[in-house]
Amino acid sequence: MAAVHHQPEPPIVYSFADADAIVESLAAFVVKAQKEGIDKKGRFTIALSGGSLPKMLRGLIDHPGVKWDKW
């Protein structure tokens, strides 16, 4: 059987006007990933690097779409 080689996808770069725009967009991204994880596995798991990323997730605190009981 011949090996199939796929070209890697080009990177996607996003630019934001300010930190608040990052927080909002990141929250929407995580909520979307959460929905996909819950739909597929009944739960959601996320791993975070250090640095400033955890602070940027503050947009999830009062987000109505977050299902904390499934994390």
C-alpha atoms as a PDB file:
ATOM      1  CA  MET A   1       0.000   0.000   0.000  1.00  0.00           C
ATOM      2  CA  ALA A   2       1.446   3.377  -0.984  1.00  0.00           C
ATOM      3  CA  ALA A   3       1.811   6.090   1.610  1.00  0.00           C
ATOM      4  CA  VAL A   4      -0.387   9.115   1.114  1.00  0.00           C
ATOM      5  CA  HIS A   5       1.304  12.434   1.735  1.00  0.00           C
ATOM      6  CA  HIS A   6      -0.788  15.498   2.386  1.00  0.00           C
ATOM      7  CA  GLN A   7       0.486  19.016   2.247  1.00  0.00           C
ATOM      8  CA  PRO A   8       0.097  20.801   5.572  1.00  0.00           C
ATOM      9  CA  GLU A   9      -2.580  23.451   5.743  1.00  0.00           C
ATOM     10  CA  PRO A  10      -1.216  26.983   5.625  1.00  0.00           C
ATOM     11  CA  PRO A  11      -1.274  28.762   8.990  1.00  0.00           C
ATOM     12  CA  ILE A  12      -4.228  30.970   9.789  1.00  0.00           C
ATOM     13  CA  VAL A  13      -3.346  34.315  11.322  1.00  0.00           C
ATOM     14  CA  TYR A  14      -5.912  36.493  13.056  1.00  0.00           C
ATOM     15  CA  SER A  15      -5.435  40.142  13.954  1.00  0.00           C
ATOM     16  CA  PHE A  16      -7.424  41.968  16.617  1.00  0.00           C
ATOM     17  CA  ALA A  17      -7.880  45.661  17.326  1.00  0.00           C
ATOM     18  CA  ASP A  18      -7.357  45.292  21.073  1.00  0.00           C
ATOM     19  CA  ALA A  19      -7.294  42.831  23.982  1.00  0.00           C
ATOM     20  CA  ASP A  20     -11.079  42.982  24.467  1.00  0.00           C
ATOM     21  CA  ALA A  21     -11.585  41.799  20.887  1.00  0.00           C
ATOM     22  CA  ILE A  22      -9.231  38.871  21.574  1.00  0.00           C
ATOM     23  CA  VAL A  23     -11.134  37.945  24.745  1.00  0.00           C
ATOM     24  CA  GLU A  24     -14.468  37.986  22.902  1.00  0.00           C
ATOM     25  CA  SER A  25     -13.223  35.988  19.913  1.00  0.00           C
ATOM     26  CA  LEU A  26     -11.401  33.463  22.098  1.00  0.00           C
ATOM     27  CA  ALA A  27     -14.532  32.912  24.202  1.00  0.00           C
ATOM     28  CA  ALA A  28     -16.576  32.251  21.052  1.00  0.00           C
ATOM     29  CA  PHE A  29     -13.909  29.836  19.773  1.00  0.00           C
ATOM     30  CA  VAL A  30     -13.811  27.899  23.050  1.00  0.00           C
ATOM     31  CA  VAL A  31     -17.612  27.717  23.304  1.00  0.00           C
ATOM     32  CA  LYS A  32     -17.741  26.324  19.747  1.00  0.00           C
ATOM     33  CA  ALA A  33     -15.064  23.740  20.590  1.00  0.00           C
ATOM     34  CA  GLN A  34     -16.928  22.932  23.796  1.00  0.00           C
ATOM     35  CA  LYS A  35     -20.147  22.240  21.862  1.00  0.00           C
ATOM     36  CA  GLU A  36     -18.327  19.956  19.438  1.00  0.00           C
ATOM     37  CA  GLY A  37     -16.656  18.067  22.303  1.00  0.00           C
ATOM     38  CA  ILE A  38     -19.886  17.644  24.251  1.00  0.00           C
ATOM     39  CA  ASP A  39     -21.793  16.571  21.139  1.00  0.00           C
ATOM     40  CA  LYS A  40     -19.123  13.989  20.320  1.00  0.00           C
ATOM     41  CA  LYS A  41     -18.019  12.735  23.749  1.00  0.00           C
ATOM     42  CA  GLY A  42     -20.483  14.119  26.263  1.00  0.00           C
ATOM     43  CA  ARG A  43     -17.796  16.252  27.908  1.00  0.00           C
ATOM     44  CA  PHE A  44     -15.233  18.940  27.147  1.00  0.00           C
ATOM     45  CA  THR A  45     -11.552  18.962  27.998  1.00  0.00           C
ATOM     46  CA  ILE A  46      -9.155  21.789  27.318  1.00  0.00           C
ATOM     47  CA  ALA A  47      -5.426  22.125  27.937  1.00  0.00           C
ATOM     48  CA  LEU A  48      -3.853  25.543  28.236  1.00  0.00           C
ATOM     49  CA  SER A  49      -0.344  26.810  27.965  1.00  0.00           C
ATOM     50  CA  GLY A  50       0.903  29.324  30.462  1.00  0.00           C
ATOM     51  CA  GLY A  51       1.623  32.951  29.841  1.00  0.00           C
ATOM     52  CA  SER A  52      -1.223  35.352  29.214  1.00  0.00           C
ATOM     53  CA  LEU A  53      -3.626  32.852  27.601  1.00  0.00           C
ATOM     54  CA  PRO A  54      -5.496  31.891  30.799  1.00  0.00           C
ATOM     55  CA  LYS A  55      -6.185  35.589  31.475  1.00  0.00           C
ATOM     56  CA  MET A  56      -7.642  35.915  27.983  1.00  0.00           C
ATOM     57  CA  LEU A  57     -10.251  33.291  28.859  1.00  0.00           C
ATOM     58  CA  ARG A  58     -11.972  35.706  31.238  1.00  0.00           C
ATOM     59  CA  GLY A  59     -14.617  36.112  28.539  1.00  0.00           C
ATOM     60  CA  LEU A  60     -15.938  32.682  29.515  1.00  0.00           C
ATOM     61  CA  ILE A  61     -16.775  33.638  33.112  1.00  0.00           C
ATOM     62  CA  ASP A  62     -20.317  34.888  32.485  1.00  0.00           C
ATOM     63  CA  HIS A  63     -20.741  33.518  28.949  1.00  0.00           C
ATOM     64  CA  PRO A  64     -24.213  31.934  28.710  1.00  0.00           C
ATOM     65  CA  GLY A  65     -23.000  29.200  26.343  1.00  0.00           C
ATOM     66  CA  VAL A  66     -20.469  27.687  28.759  1.00  0.00           C
ATOM     67  CA  LYS A  67     -21.582  24.361  30.217  1.00  0.00           C
ATOM     68  CA  TRP A  68     -19.259  24.222  33.223  1.00  0.00           C
ATOM     69  CA  ASP A  69     -20.784  20.941  34.424  1.00  0.00           C
ATOM     70  CA  LYS A  70     -19.450  19.239  31.274  1.00  0.00           C
ATOM     71  CA  TRP A  71     -15.859  20.450  31.691  1.00  0.00           C
END
